[in-house]
Amino acid sequence: MTPAFTSWQAFFAMGGYAFYVWFAVAMTLIALTGLLLHTLLQRRRILADVRRRQAREHRIRSAQQQKAARSVGEAG
């Protein structure tokens, strides 16, 4: 098996197409990094929204239970 490039300099030169090759690599890495950051931020927002909704539902249930307890106390 023979290597495709004879030296590291030849590897980075990419046979004269270094600008296009490394530009494409850089753009791909930038896009993947952006996608990763967007996904992490969106996950954080969704989890915060879920926690906020659960807290609201808990407050509503507590208020309903207190109201029901008061009405039972008044009737008794």
Foldseek 3Di string as FASTA:
>chain_A
DDDPAPDVVCVCCVVVCNVVVVVVVVVVVVVVVVVVVVVVVVVVVVVVVVVVVVVVVVVVVVVVVVVVVVVVVVVD
